[in-house]
PDB file of N, CA and C in Angstrom:
ATOM      1  N   MET A   1     -63.254  12.581  -2.319  1.00  0.00           N
ATOM      2  CA  MET A   1     -63.906  10.921  -2.874  1.00  0.00           C
ATOM      3  C   MET A   1     -63.051  10.078  -3.627  1.00  0.00           C
ATOM      4  N   LEU A   2     -62.296  10.312  -4.316  1.00  0.00           N
ATOM      5  CA  LEU A   2     -61.484   9.370  -5.246  1.00  0.00           C
ATOM      6  C   LEU A   2     -60.534   8.437  -4.008  1.00  0.00           C
ATOM      7  N   ALA A   3     -60.208   9.694  -2.694  1.00  0.00           N
ATOM      8  CA  ALA A   3     -59.206   8.733  -2.181  1.00  0.00           C
ATOM      9  C   ALA A   3     -60.067   7.725  -1.314  1.00  0.00           C
ATOM     10  N   ARG A   4     -61.378   8.177  -1.080  1.00  0.00           N
ATOM     11  CA  ARG A   4     -62.101   7.190   0.344  1.00  0.00           C
ATOM     12  C   ARG A   4     -62.536   5.872  -1.078  1.00  0.00           C
ATOM     13  N   LEU A   5     -62.827   6.229  -2.235  1.00  0.00           N
ATOM     14  CA  LEU A   5     -62.937   4.816  -3.338  1.00  0.00           C
ATOM     15  C   LEU A   5     -61.357   3.934  -3.396  1.00  0.00           C
ATOM     16  N   ARG A   6     -60.291   4.789  -3.236  1.00  0.00           N
ATOM     17  CA  ARG A   6     -59.327   3.548  -3.330  1.00  0.00           C
ATOM     18  C   ARG A   6     -59.222   3.064  -1.973  1.00  0.00           C
ATOM     19  N   ARG A   7     -59.538   3.906  -0.296  1.00  0.00           N
ATOM     20  CA  ARG A   7     -59.501   3.409   0.549  1.00  0.00           C
ATOM     21  C   ARG A   7     -60.013   1.492   0.130  1.00  0.00           C
ATOM     22  N   SER A   8     -61.717   1.754  -0.379  1.00  0.00           N
ATOM     23  CA  SER A   8     -62.676   0.734  -0.200  1.00  0.00           C
ATOM     24  C   SER A   8     -61.855   0.189  -1.038  1.00  0.00           C
ATOM     25  N   LEU A   9     -61.660   0.374  -2.223  1.00  0.00           N
ATOM     26  CA  LEU A   9     -61.088  -0.693  -3.012  1.00  0.00           C
ATOM     27  C   LEU A   9     -59.872  -1.603  -2.549  1.00  0.00           C
ATOM     28  N   ALA A  10     -59.377  -0.576  -2.061  1.00  0.00           N
ATOM     29  CA  ALA A  10     -58.252  -1.771  -1.318  1.00  0.00           C
ATOM     30  C   ALA A  10     -58.589  -2.558  -0.177  1.00  0.00           C
ATOM     31  N   ARG A  11     -59.519  -2.574   0.622  1.00  0.00           N
ATOM     32  CA  ARG A  11     -59.726  -3.384   1.647  1.00  0.00           C
ATOM     33  C   ARG A  11     -60.090  -4.994   1.056  1.00  0.00           C
ATOM     34  N   THR A  12     -59.367  -5.172   2.215  1.00  0.00           N
ATOM     35  CA  THR A  12     -59.171  -7.134   1.818  1.00  0.00           C
ATOM     36  C   THR A  12     -60.000  -7.998   2.103  1.00  0.00           C
ATOM     37  N   THR A  13     -60.269  -9.093   1.318  1.00  0.00           N
ATOM     38  CA  THR A  13     -61.392  -9.876   1.654  1.00  0.00           C
ATOM     39  C   THR A  13     -61.850 -10.205   3.319  1.00  0.00           C
ATOM     40  N   ASP A  14     -60.563 -10.452   3.659  1.00  0.00           N
ATOM     41  CA  ASP A  14     -60.596 -10.463   4.995  1.00  0.00           C
ATOM     42  C   ASP A  14     -61.338  -9.339   6.224  1.00  0.00           C
ATOM     43  N   ASP A  15     -61.069  -7.719   5.777  1.00  0.00           N
ATOM     44  CA  ASP A  15     -61.588  -7.316   6.170  1.00  0.00           C
ATOM     45  C   ASP A  15     -62.902  -7.360   6.311  1.00  0.00           C
ATOM     46  N   LEU A  16     -63.503  -7.679   4.244  1.00  0.00           N
ATOM     47  CA  LEU A  16     -64.995  -7.645   4.529  1.00  0.00           C
ATOM     48  C   LEU A  16     -65.852  -8.897   5.120  1.00  0.00           C
ATOM     49  N   HIS A  17     -65.082  -9.647   5.576  1.00  0.00           N
ATOM     50  CA  HIS A  17     -65.858 -10.980   6.392  1.00  0.00           C
ATOM     51  C   HIS A  17     -65.856 -10.321   7.572  1.00  0.00           C
ATOM     52  N   ALA A  18     -64.216  -9.872   7.977  1.00  0.00           N
ATOM     53  CA  ALA A  18     -64.767  -9.259   9.520  1.00  0.00           C
ATOM     54  C   ALA A  18     -66.171  -8.324   9.662  1.00  0.00           C
ATOM     55  N   ASP A  19     -66.062  -7.506   8.433  1.00  0.00           N
ATOM     56  CA  ASP A  19     -67.437  -6.027   8.873  1.00  0.00           C
ATOM     57  C   ASP A  19     -68.899  -7.258   8.563  1.00  0.00           C
ATOM     58  N   ALA A  20     -68.677  -8.229   7.567  1.00  0.00           N
ATOM     59  CA  ALA A  20     -69.801  -8.927   7.829  1.00  0.00           C
ATOM     60  C   ALA A  20     -70.076  -9.483   8.812  1.00  0.00           C
ATOM     61  N   LEU A  21     -69.056 -10.204   9.657  1.00  0.00           N
ATOM     62  CA  LEU A  21     -69.379 -11.004  10.924  1.00  0.00           C
ATOM     63  C   LEU A  21     -70.050  -9.989  11.925  1.00  0.00           C
ATOM     64  N   GLN A  22     -69.256  -9.409  12.200  1.00  0.00           N
ATOM     65  CA  GLN A  22     -69.534  -8.326  13.234  1.00  0.00           C
ATOM     66  C   GLN A  22     -71.191  -7.748  13.032  1.00  0.00           C
ATOM     67  N   ALA A  23     -71.811  -7.654  11.849  1.00  0.00           N
ATOM     68  CA  ALA A  23     -72.896  -7.030  11.446  1.00  0.00           C
ATOM     69  C   ALA A  23     -73.803  -7.852  12.061  1.00  0.00           C
ATOM     70  N   ARG A  24     -73.345  -9.494  11.555  1.00  0.00           N
ATOM     71  CA  ARG A  24     -74.228 -10.842  12.209  1.00  0.00           C
ATOM     72  C   ARG A  24     -74.464 -11.260  13.397  1.00  0.00           C
ATOM     73  N   PHE A  25     -73.344 -10.631  13.811  1.00  0.00           N
ATOM     74  CA  PHE A  25     -73.358 -10.326  15.205  1.00  0.00           C
ATOM     75  C   PHE A  25     -73.616  -9.683  16.274  1.00  0.00           C
ATOM     76  N   ALA A  26     -73.562  -8.658  16.212  1.00  0.00           N
ATOM     77  CA  ALA A  26     -73.800  -7.351  16.798  1.00  0.00           C
ATOM     78  C   ALA A  26     -75.227  -7.584  17.200  1.00  0.00           C
ATOM     79  N   SER A  27     -75.223  -7.370  19.120  1.00  0.00           N
ATOM     80  CA  SER A  27     -76.832  -7.678  19.737  1.00  0.00           C
ATOM     81  C   SER A  27     -76.134  -6.953  20.913  1.00  0.00           C
ATOM     82  N   THR A  28     -77.176  -6.857  22.047  1.00  0.00           N
ATOM     83  CA  THR A  28     -77.436  -5.803  22.877  1.00  0.00           C
ATOM     84  C   THR A  28     -77.091  -6.299  24.391  1.00  0.00           C
ATOM     85  N   ASP A  29     -77.525  -7.890  23.674  1.00  0.00           N
ATOM     86  CA  ASP A  29     -77.235  -8.908  25.046  1.00  0.00           C
ATOM     87  C   ASP A  29     -76.077  -9.719  25.106  1.00  0.00           C
ATOM     88  N   THR A  30     -74.932  -9.506  23.991  1.00  0.00           N
ATOM     89  CA  THR A  30     -73.851 -10.276  23.932  1.00  0.00           C
ATOM     90  C   THR A  30     -72.566  -9.158  23.853  1.00  0.00           C
ATOM     91  N   THR A  31     -71.488  -9.194  24.442  1.00  0.00           N
ATOM     92  CA  THR A  31     -70.119  -8.948  24.248  1.00  0.00           C
ATOM     93  C   THR A  31     -69.529  -8.951  23.145  1.00  0.00           C
ATOM     94  N   ARG A  32     -69.245  -7.972  22.132  1.00  0.00           N
ATOM     95  CA  ARG A  32     -68.353  -8.193  21.256  1.00  0.00           C
ATOM     96  C   ARG A  32     -66.673  -8.896  21.742  1.00  0.00           C
ATOM     97  N   ILE A  33     -66.401  -9.704  20.990  1.00  0.00           N
ATOM     98  CA  ILE A  33     -64.724 -10.304  22.438  1.00  0.00           C
ATOM     99  C   ILE A  33     -63.615  -9.396  21.686  1.00  0.00           C
ATOM    100  N   ALA A  34     -63.690  -8.530  21.073  1.00  0.00           N
ATOM    101  CA  ALA A  34     -62.992  -7.701  21.677  1.00  0.00           C
ATOM    102  C   ALA A  34     -62.990  -6.697  22.473  1.00  0.00           C
ATOM    103  N   ASP A  35     -64.490  -6.349  23.226  1.00  0.00           N
ATOM    104  CA  ASP A  35     -64.556  -5.968  24.512  1.00  0.00           C
ATOM    105  C   ASP A  35     -64.826  -6.508  25.412  1.00  0.00           C
ATOM    106  N   ALA A  36     -64.398  -7.222  25.588  1.00  0.00           N
ATOM    107  CA  ALA A  36     -64.614  -8.768  26.781  1.00  0.00           C
ATOM    108  C   ALA A  36     -63.541  -8.530  27.672  1.00  0.00           C
ATOM    109  N   PRO A  37     -64.198  -8.048  28.991  1.00  0.00           N
ATOM    110  CA  PRO A  37     -63.143  -8.171  30.189  1.00  0.00           C
ATOM    111  C   PRO A  37     -62.335  -9.278  30.511  1.00  0.00           C
ATOM    112  N   ASP A  38     -61.054  -8.814  30.919  1.00  0.00           N
ATOM    113  CA  ASP A  38     -60.536  -9.699  31.368  1.00  0.00           C
ATOM    114  C   ASP A  38     -60.886 -10.226  32.497  1.00  0.00           C
ATOM    115  N   ARG A  39     -60.849 -11.313  33.363  1.00  0.00           N
ATOM    116  CA  ARG A  39     -61.305 -12.329  34.202  1.00  0.00           C
ATOM    117  C   ARG A  39     -62.693 -11.852  34.604  1.00  0.00           C
ATOM    118  N   GLY A  40     -63.478 -12.024  33.592  1.00  0.00           N
ATOM    119  CA  GLY A  40     -65.244 -12.111  33.982  1.00  0.00           C
ATOM    120  C   GLY A  40     -65.980 -12.708  33.078  1.00  0.00           C
ATOM    121  N   ALA A  41     -67.240 -12.460  33.256  1.00  0.00           N
ATOM    122  CA  ALA A  41     -68.314 -13.456  32.895  1.00  0.00           C
ATOM    123  C   ALA A  41     -68.683 -12.646  31.585  1.00  0.00           C
ATOM    124  N   VAL A  42     -69.012 -13.354  30.531  1.00  0.00           N
ATOM    125  CA  VAL A  42     -69.419 -12.468  29.440  1.00  0.00           C
ATOM    126  C   VAL A  42     -70.101 -14.226  28.770  1.00  0.00           C
ATOM    127  N   ARG A  43     -71.205 -13.534  27.578  1.00  0.00           N
ATOM    128  CA  ARG A  43     -71.861 -13.735  26.595  1.00  0.00           C
ATOM    129  C   ARG A  43     -71.335 -13.231  25.627  1.00  0.00           C
ATOM    130  N   ILE A  44     -70.420 -14.174  24.273  1.00  0.00           N
ATOM    131  CA  ILE A  44     -70.723 -13.962  23.525  1.00  0.00           C
ATOM    132  C   ILE A  44     -71.123 -14.481  22.425  1.00  0.00           C
ATOM    133  N   ARG A  45     -71.084 -14.272  20.622  1.00  0.00           N
ATOM    134  CA  ARG A  45     -71.540 -15.237  19.995  1.00  0.00           C
ATOM    135  C   ARG A  45     -70.635 -14.587  18.586  1.00  0.00           C
ATOM    136  N   GLY A  46     -70.110 -15.653  18.170  1.00  0.00           N
ATOM    137  CA  GLY A  46     -69.632 -15.887  17.029  1.00  0.00           C
ATOM    138  C   GLY A  46     -69.580 -17.302  16.114  1.00  0.00           C
ATOM    139  N   GLU A  47     -68.966 -16.896  15.414  1.00  0.00           N
ATOM    140  CA  GLU A  47     -68.869 -17.870  13.911  1.00  0.00           C
ATOM    141  C   GLU A  47     -67.294 -19.431  14.815  1.00  0.00           C
ATOM    142  N   VAL A  48     -67.621 -20.348  14.157  1.00  0.00           N
ATOM    143  CA  VAL A  48     -66.890 -21.356  14.655  1.00  0.00           C
ATOM    144  C   VAL A  48     -65.497 -20.799  13.435  1.00  0.00           C
ATOM    145  N   SER A  49     -64.263 -20.703  13.864  1.00  0.00           N
ATOM    146  CA  SER A  49     -63.107 -20.514  12.982  1.00  0.00           C
ATOM    147  C   SER A  49     -62.283 -21.598  12.485  1.00  0.00           C
ATOM    148  N   GLY A  50     -62.424 -21.847  13.319  1.00  0.00           N
ATOM    149  CA  GLY A  50     -61.468 -23.706  13.682  1.00  0.00           C
ATOM    150  C   GLY A  50     -61.894 -24.509  14.999  1.00  0.00           C
ATOM    151  N   LEU A  51     -60.956 -25.381  14.685  1.00  0.00           N
ATOM    152  CA  LEU A  51     -60.983 -26.666  15.273  1.00  0.00           C
ATOM    153  C   LEU A  51     -60.088 -27.194  15.774  1.00  0.00           C
ATOM    154  N   GLN A  52     -59.408 -27.797  16.989  1.00  0.00           N
ATOM    155  CA  GLN A  52     -58.061 -28.315  17.076  1.00  0.00           C
ATOM    156  C   GLN A  52     -58.264 -28.958  18.598  1.00  0.00           C
ATOM    157  N   VAL A  53     -57.953 -30.613  18.301  1.00  0.00           N
ATOM    158  CA  VAL A  53     -57.551 -31.427  19.799  1.00  0.00           C
ATOM    159  C   VAL A  53     -56.082 -31.090  20.210  1.00  0.00           C
ATOM    160  N   VAL A  54     -56.279 -30.804  21.375  1.00  0.00           N
ATOM    161  CA  VAL A  54     -54.240 -30.167  21.815  1.00  0.00           C
ATOM    162  C   VAL A  54     -54.377 -31.343  23.023  1.00  0.00           C
ATOM    163  N   PRO A  55     -53.184 -32.126  23.494  1.00  0.00           N
ATOM    164  CA  PRO A  55     -53.038 -32.318  24.236  1.00  0.00           C
ATOM    165  C   PRO A  55     -52.608 -31.380  25.503  1.00  0.00           C
ATOM    166  N   ARG A  56     -53.593 -32.071  26.491  1.00  0.00           N
ATOM    167  CA  ARG A  56     -52.940 -31.136  28.238  1.00  0.00           C
ATOM    168  C   ARG A  56     -52.701 -32.174  29.141  1.00  0.00           C
ATOM    169  N   ALA A  57     -52.179 -31.785  29.996  1.00  0.00           N
ATOM    170  CA  ALA A  57     -51.305 -32.950  31.410  1.00  0.00           C
ATOM    171  C   ALA A  57     -51.943 -34.278  31.772  1.00  0.00           C
ATOM    172  N   ASP A  58     -53.988 -34.199  31.905  1.00  0.00           N
ATOM    173  CA  ASP A  58     -54.391 -34.749  32.004  1.00  0.00           C
ATOM    174  C   ASP A  58     -55.215 -35.488  31.293  1.00  0.00           C
ATOM    175  N   ALA A  59     -55.490 -35.179  30.190  1.00  0.00           N
ATOM    176  CA  ALA A  59     -56.259 -35.444  28.991  1.00  0.00           C
ATOM    177  C   ALA A  59     -56.374 -34.483  27.796  1.00  0.00           C
ATOM    178  N   ARG A  60     -57.164 -35.093  26.629  1.00  0.00           N
ATOM    179  CA  ARG A  60     -56.799 -33.698  25.769  1.00  0.00           C
ATOM    180  C   ARG A  60     -58.487 -32.906  25.888  1.00  0.00           C
ATOM    181  N   ALA A  61     -57.937 -31.823  25.079  1.00  0.00           N
ATOM    182  CA  ALA A  61     -59.551 -31.314  24.711  1.00  0.00           C
ATOM    183  C   ALA A  61     -59.778 -30.557  23.659  1.00  0.00           C
ATOM    184  N   LEU A  62     -60.734 -29.532  23.217  1.00  0.00           N
ATOM    185  CA  LEU A  62     -61.138 -29.512  21.828  1.00  0.00           C
ATOM    186  C   LEU A  62     -61.023 -28.322  22.251  1.00  0.00           C
ATOM    187  N   GLU A  63     -60.145 -27.717  21.507  1.00  0.00           N
ATOM    188  CA  GLU A  63     -60.072 -25.972  21.619  1.00  0.00           C
ATOM    189  C   GLU A  63     -61.259 -25.635  20.331  1.00  0.00           C
ATOM    190  N   VAL A  64     -61.838 -24.561  20.739  1.00  0.00           N
ATOM    191  CA  VAL A  64     -62.966 -23.872  19.217  1.00  0.00           C
ATOM    192  C   VAL A  64     -62.569 -22.718  19.126  1.00  0.00           C
ATOM    193  N   THR A  65     -62.127 -22.314  18.395  1.00  0.00           N
ATOM    194  CA  THR A  65     -62.010 -21.392  17.561  1.00  0.00           C
ATOM    195  C   THR A  65     -63.186 -19.964  17.231  1.00  0.00           C
ATOM    196  N   LEU A  66     -63.539 -18.753  18.271  1.00  0.00           N
ATOM    197  CA  LEU A  66     -64.539 -18.034  17.766  1.00  0.00           C
ATOM    198  C   LEU A  66     -64.338 -16.898  16.977  1.00  0.00           C
ATOM    199  N   ASP A  67     -64.950 -16.419  15.925  1.00  0.00           N
ATOM    200  CA  ASP A  67     -64.794 -15.321  15.157  1.00  0.00           C
ATOM    201  C   ASP A  67     -66.126 -14.437  15.321  1.00  0.00           C
ATOM    202  N   ASP A  68     -66.373 -12.971  15.689  1.00  0.00           N
ATOM    203  CA  ASP A  68     -66.956 -12.640  15.361  1.00  0.00           C
ATOM    204  C   ASP A  68     -66.797 -11.026  14.971  1.00  0.00           C
ATOM    205  N   GLY A  69     -65.553 -10.781  14.265  1.00  0.00           N
ATOM    206  CA  GLY A  69     -65.425 -10.202  13.435  1.00  0.00           C
ATOM    207  C   GLY A  69     -64.666  -8.928  13.919  1.00  0.00           C
ATOM    208  N   SER A  70     -64.589  -8.899  15.636  1.00  0.00           N
ATOM    209  CA  SER A  70     -64.032  -7.664  16.021  1.00  0.00           C
ATOM    210  C   SER A  70     -62.790  -8.421  16.612  1.00  0.00           C
ATOM    211  N   GLY A  71     -62.966  -9.733  16.785  1.00  0.00           N
ATOM    212  CA  GLY A  71     -61.567 -10.475  17.490  1.00  0.00           C
ATOM    213  C   GLY A  71     -61.993 -12.095  17.309  1.00  0.00           C
ATOM    214  N   GLN A  72     -60.683 -12.874  17.685  1.00  0.00           N
ATOM    215  CA  GLN A  72     -61.626 -14.356  18.161  1.00  0.00           C
ATOM    216  C   GLN A  72     -61.205 -14.423  19.656  1.00  0.00           C
ATOM    217  N   ALA A  73     -62.076 -15.613  19.875  1.00  0.00           N
ATOM    218  CA  ALA A  73     -61.668 -16.134  21.352  1.00  0.00           C
ATOM    219  C   ALA A  73     -61.519 -17.631  21.036  1.00  0.00           C
ATOM    220  N   VAL A  74     -60.934 -18.536  22.607  1.00  0.00           N
ATOM    221  CA  VAL A  74     -60.534 -19.548  22.167  1.00  0.00           C
ATOM    222  C   VAL A  74     -61.517 -20.196  23.268  1.00  0.00           C
ATOM    223  N   VAL A  75     -62.210 -20.903  22.771  1.00  0.00           N
ATOM    224  CA  VAL A  75     -63.200 -21.547  24.200  1.00  0.00           C
ATOM    225  C   VAL A  75     -62.898 -23.160  23.868  1.00  0.00           C
ATOM    226  N   VAL A  76     -62.516 -23.517  25.100  1.00  0.00           N
ATOM    227  CA  VAL A  76     -62.004 -25.029  25.511  1.00  0.00           C
ATOM    228  C   VAL A  76     -62.731 -25.894  26.398  1.00  0.00           C
ATOM    229  N   PHE A  77     -62.783 -27.050  25.742  1.00  0.00           N
ATOM    230  CA  PHE A  77     -63.595 -28.344  26.201  1.00  0.00           C
ATOM    231  C   PHE A  77     -62.655 -29.103  26.716  1.00  0.00           C
ATOM    232  N   THR A  78     -62.454 -29.351  28.152  1.00  0.00           N
ATOM    233  CA  THR A  78     -61.504 -30.191  28.363  1.00  0.00           C
ATOM    234  C   THR A  78     -62.016 -32.003  28.666  1.00  0.00           C
ATOM    235  N   GLY A  79     -61.106 -32.774  28.033  1.00  0.00           N
ATOM    236  CA  GLY A  79     -61.826 -34.250  28.056  1.00  0.00           C
ATOM    237  C   GLY A  79     -62.662 -34.234  26.951  1.00  0.00           C
ATOM    238  N   ARG A  80     -63.221 -33.800  25.927  1.00  0.00           N
ATOM    239  CA  ARG A  80     -63.572 -33.629  24.509  1.00  0.00           C
ATOM    240  C   ARG A  80     -62.803 -34.103  23.488  1.00  0.00           C
ATOM    241  N   THR A  81     -62.679 -34.796  22.400  1.00  0.00           N
ATOM    242  CA  THR A  81     -62.321 -34.519  21.423  1.00  0.00           C
ATOM    243  C   THR A  81     -63.003 -33.800  20.538  1.00  0.00           C
ATOM    244  N   ARG A  82     -64.566 -33.904  20.594  1.00  0.00           N
ATOM    245  CA  ARG A  82     -65.420 -33.960  19.528  1.00  0.00           C
ATOM    246  C   ARG A  82     -66.835 -33.048  20.188  1.00  0.00           C
ATOM    247  N   LEU A  83     -67.726 -32.210  19.788  1.00  0.00           N
ATOM    248  CA  LEU A  83     -68.698 -31.607  20.145  1.00  0.00           C
ATOM    249  C   LEU A  83     -69.691 -31.913  18.890  1.00  0.00           C
ATOM    250  N   GLY A  84     -70.793 -32.349  18.889  1.00  0.00           N
ATOM    251  CA  GLY A  84     -71.820 -32.667  17.563  1.00  0.00           C
ATOM    252  C   GLY A  84     -72.160 -30.815  17.484  1.00  0.00           C
ATOM    253  N   GLY A  85     -72.121 -30.889  16.202  1.00  0.00           N
ATOM    254  CA  GLY A  85     -72.693 -29.428  15.779  1.00  0.00           C
ATOM    255  C   GLY A  85     -71.708 -28.507  15.715  1.00  0.00           C
ATOM    256  N   LEU A  86     -70.891 -28.488  16.574  1.00  0.00           N
ATOM    257  CA  LEU A  86     -69.879 -27.713  16.382  1.00  0.00           C
ATOM    258  C   LEU A  86     -68.843 -27.873  15.478  1.00  0.00           C
ATOM    259  N   ASP A  87     -69.111 -27.020  14.250  1.00  0.00           N
ATOM    260  CA  ASP A  87     -68.265 -27.419  13.162  1.00  0.00           C
ATOM    261  C   ASP A  87     -68.018 -25.635  12.519  1.00  0.00           C
ATOM    262  N   PRO A  88     -66.711 -25.668  11.467  1.00  0.00           N
ATOM    263  CA  PRO A  88     -66.693 -24.547  11.014  1.00  0.00           C
ATOM    264  C   PRO A  88     -67.650 -24.317  10.308  1.00  0.00           C
ATOM    265  N   GLY A  89     -67.823 -22.395  10.673  1.00  0.00           N
ATOM    266  CA  GLY A  89     -68.969 -21.557   9.904  1.00  0.00           C
ATOM    267  C   GLY A  89     -69.928 -21.615  10.554  1.00  0.00           C
ATOM    268  N   ARG A  90     -70.059 -22.778  11.556  1.00  0.00           N
ATOM    269  CA  ARG A  90     -71.261 -22.553  12.860  1.00  0.00           C
ATOM    270  C   ARG A  90     -71.493 -21.533  13.979  1.00  0.00           C
ATOM    271  N   PRO A  91     -72.696 -21.081  13.608  1.00  0.00           N
ATOM    272  CA  PRO A  91     -72.646 -19.667  14.360  1.00  0.00           C
ATOM    273  C   PRO A  91     -72.972 -20.520  15.988  1.00  0.00           C
ATOM    274  N   VAL A  92     -72.497 -19.880  16.906  1.00  0.00           N
ATOM    275  CA  VAL A  92     -72.394 -20.598  18.092  1.00  0.00           C
ATOM    276  C   VAL A  92     -72.747 -18.933  19.270  1.00  0.00           C
ATOM    277  N   GLU A  93     -73.666 -19.067  20.572  1.00  0.00           N
ATOM    278  CA  GLU A  93     -73.176 -18.799  22.098  1.00  0.00           C
ATOM    279  C   GLU A  93     -72.714 -19.247  22.693  1.00  0.00           C
ATOM    280  N   VAL A  94     -71.380 -18.907  23.320  1.00  0.00           N
ATOM    281  CA  VAL A  94     -70.936 -19.268  24.468  1.00  0.00           C
ATOM    282  C   VAL A  94     -70.791 -17.987  25.769  1.00  0.00           C
ATOM    283  N   VAL A  95     -71.292 -19.110  27.149  1.00  0.00           N
ATOM    284  CA  VAL A  95     -72.015 -18.244  28.047  1.00  0.00           C
ATOM    285  C   VAL A  95     -70.531 -18.448  29.362  1.00  0.00           C
ATOM    286  N   GLY A  96     -69.517 -17.993  29.592  1.00  0.00           N
ATOM    287  CA  GLY A  96     -68.738 -18.321  30.592  1.00  0.00           C
ATOM    288  C   GLY A  96     -67.860 -17.131  31.371  1.00  0.00           C
ATOM    289  N   MET A  97     -66.015 -17.733  31.962  1.00  0.00           N
ATOM    290  CA  MET A  97     -65.698 -17.087  32.909  1.00  0.00           C
ATOM    291  C   MET A  97     -64.604 -17.064  31.652  1.00  0.00           C
ATOM    292  N   ALA A  98     -64.092 -15.726  31.754  1.00  0.00           N
ATOM    293  CA  ALA A  98     -63.454 -15.482  30.226  1.00  0.00           C
ATOM    294  C   ALA A  98     -62.148 -14.865  30.716  1.00  0.00           C
ATOM    295  N   ARG A  99     -60.854 -15.259  30.442  1.00  0.00           N
ATOM    296  CA  ARG A  99     -59.345 -14.110  30.894  1.00  0.00           C
ATOM    297  C   ARG A  99     -58.607 -14.349  29.670  1.00  0.00           C
ATOM    298  N   ARG A 100     -57.753 -13.422  29.656  1.00  0.00           N
ATOM    299  CA  ARG A 100     -56.594 -13.351  28.321  1.00  0.00           C
ATOM    300  C   ARG A 100     -55.782 -14.093  29.214  1.00  0.00           C
ATOM    301  N   ALA A 101     -55.205 -14.814  28.079  1.00  0.00           N
ATOM    302  CA  ALA A 101     -53.446 -15.623  28.291  1.00  0.00           C
ATOM    303  C   ALA A 101     -53.098 -15.509  27.053  1.00  0.00           C
ATOM    304  N   HIS A 102     -51.782 -15.170  27.129  1.00  0.00           N
ATOM    305  CA  HIS A 102     -50.991 -14.817  25.743  1.00  0.00           C
ATOM    306  C   HIS A 102     -52.036 -14.227  24.457  1.00  0.00           C
ATOM    307  N   GLY A 103     -51.863 -12.868  24.883  1.00  0.00           N
ATOM    308  CA  GLY A 103     -53.012 -11.777  23.992  1.00  0.00           C
ATOM    309  C   GLY A 103     -54.131 -12.967  23.632  1.00  0.00           C
ATOM    310  N   ARG A 104     -54.650 -14.017  24.251  1.00  0.00           N
ATOM    311  CA  ARG A 104     -55.668 -14.241  23.131  1.00  0.00           C
ATOM    312  C   ARG A 104     -57.073 -14.460  24.113  1.00  0.00           C
ATOM    313  N   LEU A 105     -58.363 -14.160  24.271  1.00  0.00           N
ATOM    314  CA  LEU A 105     -59.429 -14.113  24.827  1.00  0.00           C
ATOM    315  C   LEU A 105     -59.574 -15.710  24.989  1.00  0.00           C
ATOM    316  N   VAL A 106     -60.028 -16.652  26.400  1.00  0.00           N
ATOM    317  CA  VAL A 106     -60.233 -17.620  26.580  1.00  0.00           C
ATOM    318  C   VAL A 106     -61.213 -18.249  27.389  1.00  0.00           C
ATOM    319  N   LEU A 107     -61.932 -18.812  27.398  1.00  0.00           N
ATOM    320  CA  LEU A 107     -63.353 -19.523  28.135  1.00  0.00           C
ATOM    321  C   LEU A 107     -62.917 -20.794  27.776  1.00  0.00           C
ATOM    322  N   LEU A 108     -62.961 -21.690  29.235  1.00  0.00           N
ATOM    323  CA  LEU A 108     -62.959 -22.483  29.863  1.00  0.00           C
ATOM    324  C   LEU A 108     -64.486 -23.656  30.223  1.00  0.00           C
ATOM    325  N   ASN A 109     -64.134 -24.560  29.495  1.00  0.00           N
ATOM    326  CA  ASN A 109     -65.677 -25.306  29.493  1.00  0.00           C
ATOM    327  C   ASN A 109     -67.174 -24.572  29.762  1.00  0.00           C
ATOM    328  N   PRO A 110     -67.344 -23.196  29.252  1.00  0.00           N
ATOM    329  CA  PRO A 110     -68.331 -22.960  29.155  1.00  0.00           C
ATOM    330  C   PRO A 110     -69.707 -23.354  28.245  1.00  0.00           C
ATOM    331  N   GLU A 111     -70.924 -22.843  29.086  1.00  0.00           N
ATOM    332  CA  GLU A 111     -72.075 -23.239  28.104  1.00  0.00           C
ATOM    333  C   GLU A 111     -72.254 -22.708  26.639  1.00  0.00           C
ATOM    334  N   TYR A 112     -73.044 -23.680  26.048  1.00  0.00           N
ATOM    335  CA  TYR A 112     -73.038 -22.759  24.692  1.00  0.00           C
ATOM    336  C   TYR A 112     -74.032 -23.666  24.247  1.00  0.00           C
ATOM    337  N   ARG A 113     -74.426 -22.910  22.882  1.00  0.00           N
ATOM    338  CA  ARG A 113     -75.981 -22.740  21.961  1.00  0.00           C
ATOM    339  C   ARG A 113     -76.076 -22.993  21.069  1.00  0.00           C
ATOM    340  N   LEU A 114     -75.939 -23.362  20.036  1.00  0.00           N
ATOM    341  CA  LEU A 114     -75.895 -23.640  18.601  1.00  0.00           C
ATOM    342  C   LEU A 114     -76.954 -22.808  17.815  1.00  0.00           C
ATOM    343  N   LEU A 115     -76.379 -21.605  17.125  1.00  0.00           N
ATOM    344  CA  LEU A 115     -77.426 -20.481  16.404  1.00  0.00           C
ATOM    345  C   LEU A 115     -77.621 -20.861  15.195  1.00  0.00           C
ATOM    346  N   ALA A 116     -78.907 -20.945  15.113  1.00  0.00           N
ATOM    347  CA  ALA A 116     -79.106 -20.746  13.020  1.00  0.00           C
ATOM    348  C   ALA A 116     -78.366 -20.222  12.336  1.00  0.00           C
TER     349      ALA A 116
END
């Protein structure tokens, strides 16, 4: 009993945040980011945890990092530097083809829906 209490007290705020995200985005009609297949169609939900505009060969692209508590996915919108409503902390659902690149799940130009 004491060992269990020590383990629960040793949890970091990151662990607690990940647990809260998993509970928030648990759904039967979406795939957890950690469980998303390589090179397959997915529907994932998560919270925007980061935004970055990166240069590409022909144009800049907006990279949005989504976190559902089980892992992170990078959603890339080519030719964009901003999308209204996609701000840090905002819940969003994306649908598209996923692939794993450099150890991360990447979706290129997926459909997206802002969640409340």
